[in-house]
Amino acid sequence: MVHRKACTEHRDAVHIQIAFEERGMEGEKLEKYNRLVDETDEAYHRMEDASADLVNTKPMTLAGILALCRYIGPLFEGDDSPDLPEYISYDDDTQATPAEALCHVRFTFRQLVITGR
């Protein structure tokens, strides 16, 4: 799944960046650190895009909705949600927290069940 891969890449990039921060940085090391920061930022944006796709993809069947809810549920466990961005940006230039996006998915589910569309 695209989201899972993006989360793993972001988590790995953050771990590498943190490990690198613990060492002194000058000259070439500082340049490498700056590249790591850029890679971490790029990994975050890929994760953010995958998260938006995840919550913006309209499930077409009840099985699809169930699969989406089962996948998203564990992402909200714990005090924070490290595998979700702080905000999800939509194509219409609005933003939502992951919890708000999940509410959107639940509303879509309800509409699908009630109306069949």
Protein backbone atom coordinates (compact mmCIF):
# COMPACT_ATOMS: atom_id res chain seq x y z
CA MET A 1 0.00 0.00 0.00
CA VAL A 2 1.30 3.45 -0.93
CA HIS A 3 0.54 4.99 2.47
CA ARG A 4 2.34 2.25 4.41
CA LYS A 5 5.45 2.59 2.18
CA ALA A 6 5.44 6.39 2.54
CA CYS A 7 5.15 6.09 6.33
CA THR A 8 8.06 3.67 6.49
CA GLU A 9 10.23 5.93 4.31
CA HIS A 10 9.39 8.96 6.44
CA ARG A 11 10.06 7.13 9.71
CA ASP A 12 13.41 5.86 8.38
CA ALA A 13 14.40 9.34 7.18
CA VAL A 14 13.58 10.84 10.59
CA HIS A 15 15.65 8.18 12.40
CA ILE A 16 18.64 8.83 10.13
CA GLN A 17 18.31 12.59 10.58
CA ILE A 18 18.09 12.29 14.38
CA ALA A 19 21.11 10.00 14.53
CA PHE A 20 23.06 12.45 12.40
CA GLU A 21 22.05 15.42 14.59
CA GLU A 22 23.73 13.77 17.56
CA ARG A 23 27.12 14.21 15.92
CA GLY A 24 28.99 17.48 15.46
CA MET A 25 28.42 19.11 12.09
CA GLU A 26 30.78 21.28 10.10
CA GLY A 27 31.77 21.50 6.45
CA GLU A 28 30.96 18.31 4.54
CA LYS A 29 29.01 16.84 7.48
CA LEU A 30 26.82 19.93 7.58
CA GLU A 31 26.17 19.65 3.83
CA LYS A 32 25.24 15.99 4.24
CA TYR A 33 22.96 16.90 7.16
CA ASN A 34 21.21 19.52 5.05
CA ARG A 35 20.63 16.87 2.35
CA LEU A 36 19.18 14.57 5.02
CA VAL A 37 16.82 17.33 6.13
CA ASP A 38 15.69 17.75 2.51
CA GLU A 39 15.18 13.98 2.16
CA THR A 40 13.16 13.91 5.39
CA ASP A 41 11.00 16.78 4.15
CA GLU A 42 10.43 15.00 0.82
CA ALA A 43 9.51 11.78 2.65
CA TYR A 44 7.05 13.72 4.81
CA HIS A 45 5.41 15.25 1.74
CA ARG A 46 5.08 11.80 0.12
CA MET A 47 3.46 10.55 3.32
CA GLU A 48 1.18 13.59 3.42
CA ASP A 49 0.11 13.01 -0.19
CA ALA A 50 -0.49 9.31 0.45
CA SER A 51 -2.53 10.17 3.55
CA ALA A 52 -4.68 12.60 1.57
CA ASP A 53 -5.20 9.97 -1.13
CA LEU A 54 -6.12 7.46 1.55
CA VAL A 55 -8.88 9.58 3.02
CA ASN A 56 -10.00 11.13 -0.28
CA THR A 57 -10.50 7.88 -2.13
CA LYS A 58 -14.20 7.14 -2.03
CA PRO A 59 -14.76 3.49 -1.21
CA MET A 60 -17.16 1.99 -3.72
CA THR A 61 -18.28 -1.02 -1.70
CA LEU A 62 -18.98 -1.88 1.91
CA ALA A 63 -15.97 -4.21 1.82
CA GLY A 64 -13.81 -1.27 0.68
CA ILE A 65 -15.08 0.89 3.52
CA LEU A 66 -14.43 -1.87 6.04
CA ALA A 67 -10.90 -2.37 4.70
CA LEU A 68 -10.21 1.37 4.91
CA CYS A 69 -11.51 1.61 8.48
CA ARG A 70 -9.44 -1.41 9.53
CA TYR A 71 -6.32 0.16 8.03
CA ILE A 72 -6.88 3.65 9.43
CA GLY A 73 -7.98 2.61 12.94
CA PRO A 74 -4.57 1.51 14.27
CA LEU A 75 -3.00 4.73 12.95
CA PHE A 76 -4.91 6.61 15.66
CA GLU A 77 -3.73 4.44 18.54
CA GLY A 78 -1.53 6.02 21.20
CA ASP A 79 -1.04 9.64 22.18
CA ASP A 80 0.13 10.80 18.79
CA SER A 81 -0.22 9.66 15.21
CA PRO A 82 3.33 9.47 13.88
CA ASP A 83 2.26 7.88 10.61
CA LEU A 84 -0.20 10.62 9.75
CA PRO A 85 0.58 14.24 8.94
CA GLU A 86 -0.56 16.99 11.26
CA TYR A 87 -2.89 18.29 8.55
CA ILE A 88 -4.13 16.84 5.29
CA SER A 89 -4.33 19.33 2.42
CA TYR A 90 -7.10 18.82 -0.10
CA ASP A 91 -7.20 19.76 -3.76
CA ASP A 92 -9.60 22.63 -3.00
CA ASP A 93 -6.95 24.31 -0.77
CA THR A 94 -8.69 23.37 2.49
CA GLN A 95 -7.08 21.38 5.29
CA ALA A 96 -8.27 18.89 7.88
CA THR A 97 -6.72 17.02 10.75
CA PRO A 98 -6.55 13.23 10.26
CA ALA A 99 -9.42 12.84 12.76
CA GLU A 100 -11.57 15.24 10.72
CA ALA A 101 -10.68 13.31 7.58
CA LEU A 102 -11.73 10.07 9.25
CA CYS A 103 -15.07 11.69 10.11
CA HIS A 104 -15.41 12.50 6.40
CA VAL A 105 -14.83 8.83 5.59
CA ARG A 106 -17.45 7.79 8.15
CA PHE A 107 -19.94 10.29 6.72
CA THR A 108 -19.26 8.95 3.22
CA PHE A 109 -19.85 5.43 4.55
CA ARG A 110 -23.17 6.47 6.06
CA GLN A 111 -24.26 8.11 2.81
CA LEU A 112 -23.27 5.03 0.83
CA VAL A 113 -25.26 2.75 3.14
CA ILE A 114 -28.32 5.04 3.18
CA THR A 115 -28.44 6.04 -0.45
CA GLY A 116 -26.52 3.24 -2.12
CA ARG A 117 -24.32 5.82 -3.91
